[in-house]
Amino acid sequence: MIRRKEDHIRFDRQIAGGPGLIHATQLLNEGEFHDKGRLFNIVRLGPGEAVGRHQHVGDMEVYHILKGQCRYDDNGTEVMLQAGDTAVCPDGEWHAVHNDGPGDMEMVCLILFTR
């Protein structure tokens, strides 16, 4: 199967109370995960935009930074991430991501079920 650029589902929405909107391109659609996960997106955050702090229960999330930099909250510990870095939020833990940089930040987001 090939999915062309123009065929991807795109959306803008606020996530977990973070400021601004995330701008997402959905790489897999519902039903394509074979009960193994629920999200595989490329997400862009503009300067000042964020995914608010939230907990994962019954799943885990991976962020892989493609472009730019961000401040990542890993269970209350903040670290700076840049292009090439990967953050994993295991089942039961909390995280958030804030684009504090001067330009856009892009990342791959993957949520897999753990139960």
PDB file of N, CA and C in Angstrom:
ATOM      1  N   MET A   1       0.845  -1.177   0.000  1.00  0.00           N
ATOM      2  CA  MET A   1       0.000   0.000   0.000  1.00  0.00           C
ATOM      3  C   MET A   1       0.891   1.242   0.000  1.00  0.00           C
ATOM      4  N   ILE A   2       0.523   2.181  -0.785  1.00  0.00           N
ATOM      5  CA  ILE A   2       1.194   3.488  -0.839  1.00  0.00           C
ATOM      6  C   ILE A   2       0.155   4.544  -0.481  1.00  0.00           C
ATOM      7  N   ARG A   3       0.529   5.449   0.393  1.00  0.00           N
ATOM      8  CA  ARG A   3      -0.338   6.571   0.728  1.00  0.00           C
ATOM      9  C   ARG A   3       0.412   7.837   0.335  1.00  0.00           C
ATOM     10  N   ARG A   4      -0.100   8.521  -0.654  1.00  0.00           N
ATOM     11  CA  ARG A   4       0.522   9.754  -1.146  1.00  0.00           C
ATOM     12  C   ARG A   4       0.293  10.911  -0.174  1.00  0.00           C
ATOM     13  N   LYS A   5       1.176  11.881  -0.275  1.00  0.00           N
ATOM     14  CA  LYS A   5       1.137  13.057   0.599  1.00  0.00           C
ATOM     15  C   LYS A   5      -0.264  13.654   0.689  1.00  0.00           C
ATOM     16  N   GLU A   6      -0.921  13.802  -0.436  1.00  0.00           N
ATOM     17  CA  GLU A   6      -2.245  14.429  -0.463  1.00  0.00           C
ATOM     18  C   GLU A   6      -3.343  13.542   0.148  1.00  0.00           C
ATOM     19  N   ASP A   7      -3.043  12.271   0.377  1.00  0.00           N
ATOM     20  CA  ASP A   7      -4.031  11.346   0.939  1.00  0.00           C
ATOM     21  C   ASP A   7      -3.987  11.257   2.465  1.00  0.00           C
ATOM     22  N   HIS A   8      -2.961  11.805   3.082  1.00  0.00           N
ATOM     23  CA  HIS A   8      -2.854  11.754   4.544  1.00  0.00           C
ATOM     24  C   HIS A   8      -3.927  12.629   5.188  1.00  0.00           C
ATOM     25  N   ILE A   9      -4.435  12.176   6.308  1.00  0.00           N
ATOM     26  CA  ILE A   9      -5.373  12.975   7.094  1.00  0.00           C
ATOM     27  C   ILE A   9      -4.558  13.967   7.917  1.00  0.00           C
ATOM     28  N   ARG A  10      -4.956  15.232   7.861  1.00  0.00           N
ATOM     29  CA  ARG A  10      -4.280  16.283   8.621  1.00  0.00           C
ATOM     30  C   ARG A  10      -5.289  16.939   9.554  1.00  0.00           C
ATOM     31  N   PHE A  11      -4.820  17.362  10.720  1.00  0.00           N
ATOM     32  CA  PHE A  11      -5.712  18.038  11.651  1.00  0.00           C
ATOM     33  C   PHE A  11      -4.913  18.958  12.557  1.00  0.00           C
ATOM     34  N   ASP A  12      -5.598  19.944  13.100  1.00  0.00           N
ATOM     35  CA  ASP A  12      -5.050  20.884  14.073  1.00  0.00           C
ATOM     36  C   ASP A  12      -5.943  20.803  15.306  1.00  0.00           C
ATOM     37  N   ARG A  13      -5.331  20.597  16.484  1.00  0.00           N
ATOM     38  CA  ARG A  13      -6.142  20.568  17.703  1.00  0.00           C
ATOM     39  C   ARG A  13      -5.275  20.826  18.929  1.00  0.00           C
ATOM     40  N   GLN A  14      -5.947  21.255  19.973  1.00  0.00           N
ATOM     41  CA  GLN A  14      -5.282  21.421  21.268  1.00  0.00           C
ATOM     42  C   GLN A  14      -5.204  20.047  21.929  1.00  0.00           C
ATOM     43  N   ILE A  15      -4.063  19.733  22.558  1.00  0.00           N
ATOM     44  CA  ILE A  15      -3.868  18.433  23.191  1.00  0.00           C
ATOM     45  C   ILE A  15      -3.535  18.615  24.672  1.00  0.00           C
ATOM     46  N   ALA A  16      -4.304  17.969  25.519  1.00  0.00           N
ATOM     47  CA  ALA A  16      -4.060  17.920  26.967  1.00  0.00           C
ATOM     48  C   ALA A  16      -3.895  19.309  27.588  1.00  0.00           C
ATOM     49  N   GLY A  17      -4.634  20.280  27.064  1.00  0.00           N
ATOM     50  CA  GLY A  17      -4.618  21.613  27.648  1.00  0.00           C
ATOM     51  C   GLY A  17      -3.393  22.452  27.349  1.00  0.00           C
ATOM     52  N   GLY A  18      -2.535  21.982  26.437  1.00  0.00           N
ATOM     53  CA  GLY A  18      -1.347  22.755  26.070  1.00  0.00           C
ATOM     54  C   GLY A  18      -1.724  24.005  25.292  1.00  0.00           C
ATOM     55  N   PRO A  19      -0.899  25.052  25.369  1.00  0.00           N
ATOM     56  CA  PRO A  19      -1.187  26.277  24.625  1.00  0.00           C
ATOM     57  C   PRO A  19      -1.029  26.078  23.125  1.00  0.00           C
ATOM     58  N   GLY A  20      -1.862  26.747  22.363  1.00  0.00           N
ATOM     59  CA  GLY A  20      -1.790  26.658  20.910  1.00  0.00           C
ATOM     60  C   GLY A  20      -2.357  25.344  20.404  1.00  0.00           C
ATOM     61  N   LEU A  21      -2.034  25.051  19.151  1.00  0.00           N
ATOM     62  CA  LEU A  21      -2.530  23.851  18.489  1.00  0.00           C
ATOM     63  C   LEU A  21      -1.370  22.985  18.040  1.00  0.00           C
ATOM     64  N   ILE A  22      -1.597  21.677  17.992  1.00  0.00           N
ATOM     65  CA  ILE A  22      -0.639  20.825  17.300  1.00  0.00           C
ATOM     66  C   ILE A  22      -1.133  20.710  15.865  1.00  0.00           C
ATOM     67  N   HIS A  23      -0.220  20.533  14.959  1.00  0.00           N
ATOM     68  CA  HIS A  23      -0.541  20.388  13.544  1.00  0.00           C
ATOM     69  C   HIS A  23      -0.041  19.002  13.155  1.00  0.00           C
ATOM     70  N   ALA A  24      -0.960  18.068  12.937  1.00  0.00           N
ATOM     71  CA  ALA A  24      -0.594  16.659  12.793  1.00  0.00           C
ATOM     72  C   ALA A  24      -0.904  16.122  11.407  1.00  0.00           C
ATOM     73  N   THR A  25      -0.047  15.214  10.962  1.00  0.00           N
ATOM     74  CA  THR A  25      -0.268  14.411   9.764  1.00  0.00           C
ATOM     75  C   THR A  25      -0.341  12.967  10.222  1.00  0.00           C
ATOM     76  N   GLN A  26      -1.484  12.343   9.998  1.00  0.00           N
ATOM     77  CA  GLN A  26      -1.728  10.974  10.443  1.00  0.00           C
ATOM     78  C   GLN A  26      -1.098  10.001   9.445  1.00  0.00           C
ATOM     79  N   LEU A  27      -0.146   9.176   9.911  1.00  0.00           N
ATOM     80  CA  LEU A  27       0.549   8.237   9.033  1.00  0.00           C
ATOM     81  C   LEU A  27      -0.180   6.901   8.912  1.00  0.00           C
ATOM     82  N   LEU A  28      -0.823   6.471   9.992  1.00  0.00           N
ATOM     83  CA  LEU A  28      -1.670   5.278   9.956  1.00  0.00           C
ATOM     84  C   LEU A  28      -3.077   5.682  10.366  1.00  0.00           C
ATOM     85  N   ASN A  29      -4.060   5.076   9.743  1.00  0.00           N
ATOM     86  CA  ASN A  29      -5.452   5.350  10.062  1.00  0.00           C
ATOM     87  C   ASN A  29      -5.981   4.321  11.053  1.00  0.00           C
ATOM     88  N   GLU A  30      -7.072   4.674  11.722  1.00  0.00           N
ATOM     89  CA  GLU A  30      -7.723   3.735  12.630  1.00  0.00           C
ATOM     90  C   GLU A  30      -8.004   2.437  11.869  1.00  0.00           C
ATOM     91  N   GLY A  31      -7.758   1.320  12.488  1.00  0.00           N
ATOM     92  CA  GLY A  31      -7.956   0.033  11.831  1.00  0.00           C
ATOM     93  C   GLY A  31      -6.700  -0.534  11.203  1.00  0.00           C
ATOM     94  N   GLU A  32      -5.657   0.280  11.086  1.00  0.00           N
ATOM     95  CA  GLU A  32      -4.398  -0.187  10.493  1.00  0.00           C
ATOM     96  C   GLU A  32      -3.374  -0.604  11.554  1.00  0.00           C
ATOM     97  N   PHE A  33      -3.747  -0.541  12.817  1.00  0.00           N
ATOM     98  CA  PHE A  33      -2.828  -0.869  13.910  1.00  0.00           C
ATOM     99  C   PHE A  33      -2.914  -2.327  14.353  1.00  0.00           C
ATOM    100  N   HIS A  34      -3.924  -3.039  13.886  1.00  0.00           N
ATOM    101  CA  HIS A  34      -4.118  -4.450  14.247  1.00  0.00           C
ATOM    102  C   HIS A  34      -4.099  -4.646  15.764  1.00  0.00           C
ATOM    103  N   ASP A  35      -4.795  -3.744  16.471  1.00  0.00           N
ATOM    104  CA  ASP A  35      -4.929  -3.800  17.931  1.00  0.00           C
ATOM    105  C   ASP A  35      -3.604  -3.674  18.681  1.00  0.00           C
ATOM    106  N   LYS A  36      -2.587  -3.094  18.062  1.00  0.00           N
ATOM    107  CA  LYS A  36      -1.270  -2.928  18.698  1.00  0.00           C
ATOM    108  C   LYS A  36      -1.013  -1.494  19.156  1.00  0.00           C
ATOM    109  N   GLY A  37      -1.791  -0.543  18.656  1.00  0.00           N
ATOM    110  CA  GLY A  37      -1.581   0.852  18.999  1.00  0.00           C
ATOM    111  C   GLY A  37      -2.724   1.701  18.508  1.00  0.00           C
ATOM    112  N   ARG A  38      -2.566   3.039  18.660  1.00  0.00           N
ATOM    113  CA  ARG A  38      -3.661   3.928  18.274  1.00  0.00           C
ATOM    114  C   ARG A  38      -3.220   5.229  17.614  1.00  0.00           C
ATOM    115  N   LEU A  39      -1.916   5.486  17.535  1.00  0.00           N
ATOM    116  CA  LEU A  39      -1.489   6.752  16.947  1.00  0.00           C
ATOM    117  C   LEU A  39      -0.098   6.617  16.354  1.00  0.00           C
ATOM    118  N   PHE A  40       0.059   7.109  15.132  1.00  0.00           N
ATOM    119  CA  PHE A  40       1.360   7.201  14.460  1.00  0.00           C
ATOM    120  C   PHE A  40       1.284   8.437  13.586  1.00  0.00           C
ATOM    121  N   ASN A  41       1.810   9.564  14.092  1.00  0.00           N
ATOM    122  CA  ASN A  41       1.671  10.866  13.450  1.00  0.00           C
ATOM    123  C   ASN A  41       3.007  11.588  13.351  1.00  0.00           C
ATOM    124  N   ILE A  42       3.069  12.517  12.413  1.00  0.00           N
ATOM    125  CA  ILE A  42       4.102  13.549  12.426  1.00  0.00           C
ATOM    126  C   ILE A  42       3.412  14.797  12.953  1.00  0.00           C
ATOM    127  N   VAL A  43       3.987  15.397  13.985  1.00  0.00           N
ATOM    128  CA  VAL A  43       3.382  16.552  14.646  1.00  0.00           C
ATOM    129  C   VAL A  43       4.323  17.740  14.546  1.00  0.00           C
ATOM    130  N   ARG A  44       3.744  18.894  14.214  1.00  0.00           N
ATOM    131  CA  ARG A  44       4.500  20.150  14.188  1.00  0.00           C
ATOM    132  C   ARG A  44       3.941  21.052  15.280  1.00  0.00           C
ATOM    133  N   LEU A  45       4.849  21.618  16.072  1.00  0.00           N
ATOM    134  CA  LEU A  45       4.496  22.625  17.068  1.00  0.00           C
ATOM    135  C   LEU A  45       5.190  23.923  16.688  1.00  0.00           C
ATOM    136  N   GLY A  46       4.425  25.002  16.581  1.00  0.00           N
ATOM    137  CA  GLY A  46       5.018  26.303  16.346  1.00  0.00           C
ATOM    138  C   GLY A  46       5.599  26.855  17.638  1.00  0.00           C
ATOM    139  N   PRO A  47       6.358  27.948  17.561  1.00  0.00           N
ATOM    140  CA  PRO A  47       6.913  28.558  18.768  1.00  0.00           C
ATOM    141  C   PRO A  47       5.811  28.849  19.794  1.00  0.00           C
ATOM    142  N   GLY A  48       6.045  28.442  21.038  1.00  0.00           N
ATOM    143  CA  GLY A  48       5.085  28.670  22.110  1.00  0.00           C
ATOM    144  C   GLY A  48       3.975  27.634  22.211  1.00  0.00           C
ATOM    145  N   GLU A  49       3.882  26.725  21.257  1.00  0.00           N
ATOM    146  CA  GLU A  49       2.839  25.698  21.295  1.00  0.00           C
ATOM    147  C   GLU A  49       3.325  24.476  22.069  1.00  0.00           C
ATOM    148  N   ALA A  50       2.381  23.698  22.609  1.00  0.00           N
ATOM    149  CA  ALA A  50       2.766  22.572  23.459  1.00  0.00           C
ATOM    150  C   ALA A  50       1.697  21.490  23.473  1.00  0.00           C
ATOM    151  N   VAL A  51       2.132  20.294  23.797  1.00  0.00           N
ATOM    152  CA  VAL A  51       1.241  19.206  24.201  1.00  0.00           C
ATOM    153  C   VAL A  51       1.272  19.223  25.722  1.00  0.00           C
ATOM    154  N   GLY A  52       0.130  19.453  26.351  1.00  0.00           N
ATOM    155  CA  GLY A  52       0.071  19.567  27.804  1.00  0.00           C
ATOM    156  C   GLY A  52       0.427  18.269  28.519  1.00  0.00           C
ATOM    157  N   ARG A  53       0.718  18.413  29.804  1.00  0.00           N
ATOM    158  CA  ARG A  53       1.125  17.265  30.626  1.00  0.00           C
ATOM    159  C   ARG A  53      -0.031  16.277  30.739  1.00  0.00           C
ATOM    160  N   HIS A  54       0.258  15.010  30.470  1.00  0.00           N
ATOM    161  CA  HIS A  54      -0.757  13.961  30.523  1.00  0.00           C
ATOM    162  C   HIS A  54      -0.115  12.622  30.854  1.00  0.00           C
ATOM    163  N   GLN A  55      -0.950  11.696  31.328  1.00  0.00           N
ATOM    164  CA  GLN A  55      -0.481  10.374  31.735  1.00  0.00           C
ATOM    165  C   GLN A  55      -0.911   9.331  30.708  1.00  0.00           C
ATOM    166  N   HIS A  56      -0.068   8.334  30.535  1.00  0.00           N
ATOM    167  CA  HIS A  56      -0.417   7.193  29.679  1.00  0.00           C
ATOM    168  C   HIS A  56      -0.791   6.009  30.560  1.00  0.00           C
ATOM    169  N   VAL A  57      -1.966   5.461  30.322  1.00  0.00           N
ATOM    170  CA  VAL A  57      -2.467   4.305  31.067  1.00  0.00           C
ATOM    171  C   VAL A  57      -2.919   3.264  30.044  1.00  0.00           C
ATOM    172  N   GLY A  58      -2.271   2.115  30.057  1.00  0.00           N
ATOM    173  CA  GLY A  58      -2.598   1.058  29.109  1.00  0.00           C
ATOM    174  C   GLY A  58      -1.891   1.196  27.780  1.00  0.00           C
ATOM    175  N   ASP A  59      -1.061   2.237  27.676  1.00  0.00           N
ATOM    176  CA  ASP A  59      -0.277   2.424  26.455  1.00  0.00           C
ATOM    177  C   ASP A  59       1.014   3.163  26.780  1.00  0.00           C
ATOM    178  N   MET A  60       1.847   3.331  25.802  1.00  0.00           N
ATOM    179  CA  MET A  60       3.104   4.073  25.930  1.00  0.00           C
ATOM    180  C   MET A  60       3.245   4.966  24.706  1.00  0.00           C
ATOM    181  N   GLU A  61       4.013   6.051  24.841  1.00  0.00           N
ATOM    182  CA  GLU A  61       4.200   6.959  23.706  1.00  0.00           C
ATOM    183  C   GLU A  61       5.678   7.227  23.485  1.00  0.00           C
ATOM    184  N   VAL A  62       6.041   7.300  22.212  1.00  0.00           N
ATOM    185  CA  VAL A  62       7.403   7.610  21.792  1.00  0.00           C
ATOM    186  C   VAL A  62       7.357   8.899  20.983  1.00  0.00           C
ATOM    187  N   TYR A  63       8.248   9.844  21.307  1.00  0.00           N
ATOM    188  CA  TYR A  63       8.461  11.044  20.499  1.00  0.00           C
ATOM    189  C   TYR A  63       9.868  10.955  19.918  1.00  0.00           C
ATOM    190  N   HIS A  64       9.989  11.143  18.614  1.00  0.00           N
ATOM    191  CA  HIS A  64      11.308  11.242  17.987  1.00  0.00           C
ATOM    192  C   HIS A  64      11.365  12.603  17.304  1.00  0.00           C
ATOM    193  N   ILE A  65      12.301  13.441  17.735  1.00  0.00           N
ATOM    194  CA  ILE A  65      12.394  14.816  17.246  1.00  0.00           C
ATOM    195  C   ILE A  65      13.065  14.828  15.870  1.00  0.00           C
ATOM    196  N   LEU A  66      12.354  15.386  14.893  1.00  0.00           N
ATOM    197  CA  LEU A  66      12.857  15.472  13.519  1.00  0.00           C
ATOM    198  C   LEU A  66      13.517  16.813  13.226  1.00  0.00           C
ATOM    199  N   LYS A  67      12.963  17.887  13.821  1.00  0.00           N
ATOM    200  CA  LYS A  67      13.417  19.245  13.488  1.00  0.00           C
ATOM    201  C   LYS A  67      13.213  20.145  14.699  1.00  0.00           C
ATOM    202  N   GLY A  68      14.158  21.035  14.936  1.00  0.00           N
ATOM    203  CA  GLY A  68      14.020  22.017  16.000  1.00  0.00           C
ATOM    204  C   GLY A  68      14.423  21.475  17.357  1.00  0.00           C
ATOM    205  N   GLN A  69      13.896  22.128  18.389  1.00  0.00           N
ATOM    206  CA  GLN A  69      14.202  21.748  19.764  1.00  0.00           C
ATOM    207  C   GLN A  69      12.955  21.938  20.605  1.00  0.00           C
ATOM    208  N   CYS A  70      12.948  21.313  21.787  1.00  0.00           N
ATOM    209  CA  CYS A  70      11.794  21.439  22.672  1.00  0.00           C
ATOM    210  C   CYS A  70      12.211  21.168  24.107  1.00  0.00           C
ATOM    211  N   ARG A  71      11.344  21.588  25.021  1.00  0.00           N
ATOM    212  CA  ARG A  71      11.494  21.280  26.438  1.00  0.00           C
ATOM    213  C   ARG A  71      10.541  20.126  26.727  1.00  0.00           C
ATOM    214  N   TYR A  72      11.087  19.023  27.203  1.00  0.00           N
ATOM    215  CA  TYR A  72      10.311  17.807  27.447  1.00  0.00           C
ATOM    216  C   TYR A  72      10.182  17.572  28.945  1.00  0.00           C
ATOM    217  N   ASP A  73       8.965  17.380  29.411  1.00  0.00           N
ATOM    218  CA  ASP A  73       8.675  17.073  30.813  1.00  0.00           C
ATOM    219  C   ASP A  73       8.561  15.556  30.932  1.00  0.00           C
ATOM    220  N   ASP A  74       9.514  14.945  31.617  1.00  0.00           N
ATOM    221  CA  ASP A  74       9.569  13.498  31.819  1.00  0.00           C
ATOM    222  C   ASP A  74       9.251  13.217  33.287  1.00  0.00           C
ATOM    223  N   ASN A  75       7.952  13.048  33.602  1.00  0.00           N
ATOM    224  CA  ASN A  75       7.521  12.825  34.991  1.00  0.00           C
ATOM    225  C   ASN A  75       7.954  13.946  35.926  1.00  0.00           C
ATOM    226  N   GLY A  76       7.896  15.185  35.450  1.00  0.00           N
ATOM    227  CA  GLY A  76       8.249  16.330  36.282  1.00  0.00           C
ATOM    228  C   GLY A  76       9.685  16.797  36.157  1.00  0.00           C
ATOM    229  N   THR A  77      10.530  16.033  35.477  1.00  0.00           N
ATOM    230  CA  THR A  77      11.910  16.445  35.216  1.00  0.00           C
ATOM    231  C   THR A  77      11.977  16.995  33.798  1.00  0.00           C
ATOM    232  N   GLU A  78      12.398  18.248  33.665  1.00  0.00           N
ATOM    233  CA  GLU A  78      12.450  18.863  32.344  1.00  0.00           C
ATOM    234  C   GLU A  78      13.838  18.744  31.741  1.00  0.00           C
ATOM    235  N   VAL A  79      13.869  18.365  30.469  1.00  0.00           N
ATOM    236  CA  VAL A  79      15.115  18.253  29.711  1.00  0.00           C
ATOM    237  C   VAL A  79      14.888  18.878  28.339  1.00  0.00           C
ATOM    238  N   MET A  80      15.964  19.342  27.728  1.00  0.00           N
ATOM    239  CA  MET A  80      15.889  19.870  26.369  1.00  0.00           C
ATOM    240  C   MET A  80      16.177  18.740  25.390  1.00  0.00           C
ATOM    241  N   LEU A  81      15.362  18.653  24.353  1.00  0.00           N
ATOM    242  CA  LEU A  81      15.560  17.691  23.278  1.00  0.00           C
ATOM    243  C   LEU A  81      15.781  18.452  21.984  1.00  0.00           C
ATOM    244  N   GLN A  82      16.536  17.847  21.084  1.00  0.00           N
ATOM    245  CA  GLN A  82      16.774  18.451  19.769  1.00  0.00           C
ATOM    246  C   GLN A  82      16.654  17.375  18.704  1.00  0.00           C
ATOM    247  N   ALA A  83      16.732  17.782  17.449  1.00  0.00           N
ATOM    248  CA  ALA A  83      16.591  16.849  16.332  1.00  0.00           C
ATOM    249  C   ALA A  83      17.507  15.646  16.532  1.00  0.00           C
ATOM    250  N   GLY A  84      16.930  14.453  16.367  1.00  0.00           N
ATOM    251  CA  GLY A  84      17.666  13.207  16.541  1.00  0.00           C
ATOM    252  C   GLY A  84      17.441  12.543  17.880  1.00  0.00           C
ATOM    253  N   ASP A  85      16.901  13.279  18.868  1.00  0.00           N
ATOM    254  CA  ASP A  85      16.635  12.715  20.195  1.00  0.00           C
ATOM    255  C   ASP A  85      15.284  11.994  20.214  1.00  0.00           C
ATOM    256  N   THR A  86      15.183  10.976  21.074  1.00  0.00           N
ATOM    257  CA  THR A  86      13.953  10.198  21.241  1.00  0.00           C
ATOM    258  C   THR A  86      13.587  10.155  22.719  1.00  0.00           C
ATOM    259  N   ALA A  87      12.307  10.370  23.018  1.00  0.00           N
ATOM    260  CA  ALA A  87      11.792  10.283  24.388  1.00  0.00           C
ATOM    261  C   ALA A  87      10.717   9.204  24.427  1.00  0.00           C
ATOM    262  N   VAL A  88      10.752   8.375  25.473  1.00  0.00           N
ATOM    263  CA  VAL A  88       9.767   7.309  25.646  1.00  0.00           C
ATOM    264  C   VAL A  88       9.027   7.540  26.961  1.00  0.00           C
ATOM    265  N   CYS A  89       7.702   7.537  26.895  1.00  0.00           N
ATOM    266  CA  CYS A  89       6.859   7.647  28.086  1.00  0.00           C
ATOM    267  C   CYS A  89       6.177   6.297  28.302  1.00  0.00           C
ATOM    268  N   PRO A  90       6.688   5.488  29.249  1.00  0.00           N
ATOM    269  CA  PRO A  90       6.105   4.166  29.503  1.00  0.00           C
ATOM    270  C   PRO A  90       4.703   4.249  30.125  1.00  0.00           C
ATOM    271  N   ASP A  91       4.007   3.139  30.088  1.00  0.00           N
ATOM    272  CA  ASP A  91       2.692   2.981  30.700  1.00  0.00           C
ATOM    273  C   ASP A  91       2.733   3.448  32.159  1.00  0.00           C
ATOM    274  N   GLY A  92       1.781   4.305  32.534  1.00  0.00           N
ATOM    275  CA  GLY A  92       1.668   4.793  33.903  1.00  0.00           C
ATOM    276  C   GLY A  92       2.415   6.078  34.178  1.00  0.00           C
ATOM    277  N   GLU A  93       3.251   6.522  33.254  1.00  0.00           N
ATOM    278  CA  GLU A  93       4.042   7.735  33.485  1.00  0.00           C
ATOM    279  C   GLU A  93       3.409   8.947  32.809  1.00  0.00           C
ATOM    280  N   TRP A  94       3.962  10.126  33.127  1.00  0.00           N
ATOM    281  CA  TRP A  94       3.459  11.423  32.660  1.00  0.00           C
ATOM    282  C   TRP A  94       4.500  12.090  31.775  1.00  0.00           C
ATOM    283  N   HIS A  95       4.011  12.921  30.835  1.00  0.00           N
ATOM    284  CA  HIS A  95       4.935  13.716  30.031  1.00  0.00           C
ATOM    285  C   HIS A  95       4.216  14.895  29.383  1.00  0.00           C
ATOM    286  N   ALA A  96       5.010  15.812  28.843  1.00  0.00           N
ATOM    287  CA  ALA A  96       4.535  16.972  28.090  1.00  0.00           C
ATOM    288  C   ALA A  96       5.685  17.434  27.215  1.00  0.00           C
ATOM    289  N   VAL A  97       5.366  18.220  26.198  1.00  0.00           N
ATOM    290  CA  VAL A  97       6.410  18.778  25.337  1.00  0.00           C
ATOM    291  C   VAL A  97       6.030  20.215  24.980  1.00  0.00           C
ATOM    292  N   HIS A  98       7.015  21.115  25.074  1.00  0.00           N
ATOM    293  CA  HIS A  98       6.812  22.547  24.826  1.00  0.00           C
ATOM    294  C   HIS A  98       7.843  23.020  23.808  1.00  0.00           C
ATOM    295  N   ASN A  99       7.384  23.688  22.769  1.00  0.00           N
ATOM    296  CA  ASN A  99       8.320  24.282  21.817  1.00  0.00           C
ATOM    297  C   ASN A  99       8.705  25.661  22.337  1.00  0.00           C
ATOM    298  N   ASP A 100       9.874  25.740  22.946  1.00  0.00           N
ATOM    299  CA  ASP A 100      10.395  27.010  23.447  1.00  0.00           C
ATOM    300  C   ASP A 100      11.350  27.662  22.461  1.00  0.00           C
ATOM    301  N   GLY A 101      11.574  27.013  21.325  1.00  0.00           N
ATOM    302  CA  GLY A 101      12.536  27.513  20.346  1.00  0.00           C
ATOM    303  C   GLY A 101      11.957  28.618  19.481  1.00  0.00           C
ATOM    304  N   PRO A 102      12.807  29.222  18.652  1.00  0.00           N
ATOM    305  CA  PRO A 102      12.382  30.327  17.804  1.00  0.00           C
ATOM    306  C   PRO A 102      11.639  29.889  16.539  1.00  0.00           C
ATOM    307  N   GLY A 103      11.746  28.599  16.181  1.00  0.00           N
ATOM    308  CA  GLY A 103      11.105  28.114  14.957  1.00  0.00           C
ATOM    309  C   GLY A 103      10.252  26.892  15.227  1.00  0.00           C
ATOM    310  N   ASP A 104       9.697  26.350  14.160  1.00  0.00           N
ATOM    311  CA  ASP A 104       8.862  25.158  14.284  1.00  0.00           C
ATOM    312  C   ASP A 104       9.666  23.964  14.776  1.00  0.00           C
ATOM    313  N   MET A 105       8.985  23.067  15.481  1.00  0.00           N
ATOM    314  CA  MET A 105       9.550  21.797  15.922  1.00  0.00           C
ATOM    315  C   MET A 105       8.675  20.703  15.336  1.00  0.00           C
ATOM    316  N   GLU A 106       9.311  19.656  14.804  1.00  0.00           N
ATOM    317  CA  GLU A 106       8.565  18.524  14.262  1.00  0.00           C
ATOM    318  C   GLU A 106       9.028  17.242  14.926  1.00  0.00           C
ATOM    319  N   MET A 107       8.067  16.329  15.149  1.00  0.00           N
ATOM    320  CA  MET A 107       8.403  15.045  15.763  1.00  0.00           C
ATOM    321  C   MET A 107       7.481  13.955  15.239  1.00  0.00           C
ATOM    322  N   VAL A 108       7.982  12.733  15.300  1.00  0.00           N
ATOM    323  CA  VAL A 108       7.156  11.560  15.055  1.00  0.00           C
ATOM    324  C   VAL A 108       6.587  11.141  16.401  1.00  0.00           C
ATOM    325  N   CYS A 109       5.293  10.836  16.456  1.00  0.00           N
ATOM    326  CA  CYS A 109       4.635  10.375  17.677  1.00  0.00           C
ATOM    327  C   CYS A 109       4.029   9.004  17.413  1.00  0.00           C
ATOM    328  N   LEU A 110       4.305   8.068  18.317  1.00  0.00           N
ATOM    329  CA  LEU A 110       3.798   6.706  18.194  1.00  0.00           C
ATOM    330  C   LEU A 110       3.236   6.267  19.540  1.00  0.00           C
ATOM    331  N   ILE A 111       1.982   5.829  19.557  1.00  0.00           N
ATOM    332  CA  ILE A 111       1.378   5.278  20.769  1.00  0.00           C
ATOM    333  C   ILE A 111       1.072   3.809  20.524  1.00  0.00           C
ATOM    334  N   LEU A 112       1.650   2.963  21.392  1.00  0.00           N
ATOM    335  CA  LEU A 112       1.456   1.512  21.327  1.00  0.00           C
ATOM    336  C   LEU A 112       0.757   1.034  22.587  1.00  0.00           C
ATOM    337  N   PHE A 113      -0.132   0.061  22.438  1.00  0.00           N
ATOM    338  CA  PHE A 113      -0.807  -0.518  23.596  1.00  0.00           C
ATOM    339  C   PHE A 113       0.156  -1.400  24.374  1.00  0.00           C
ATOM    340  N   THR A 114       0.016  -1.392  25.705  1.00  0.00           N
ATOM    341  CA  THR A 114       0.859  -2.231  26.562  1.00  0.00           C
ATOM    342  C   THR A 114       0.055  -3.333  27.240  1.00  0.00           C
ATOM    343  N   ARG A 115      -1.239  -3.284  27.094  1.00  0.00           N
ATOM    344  CA  ARG A 115      -2.101  -4.292  27.735  1.00  0.00           C
ATOM    345  C   ARG A 115      -3.029  -4.897  26.712  1.00  0.00           C
TER     346      ARG A 115
END
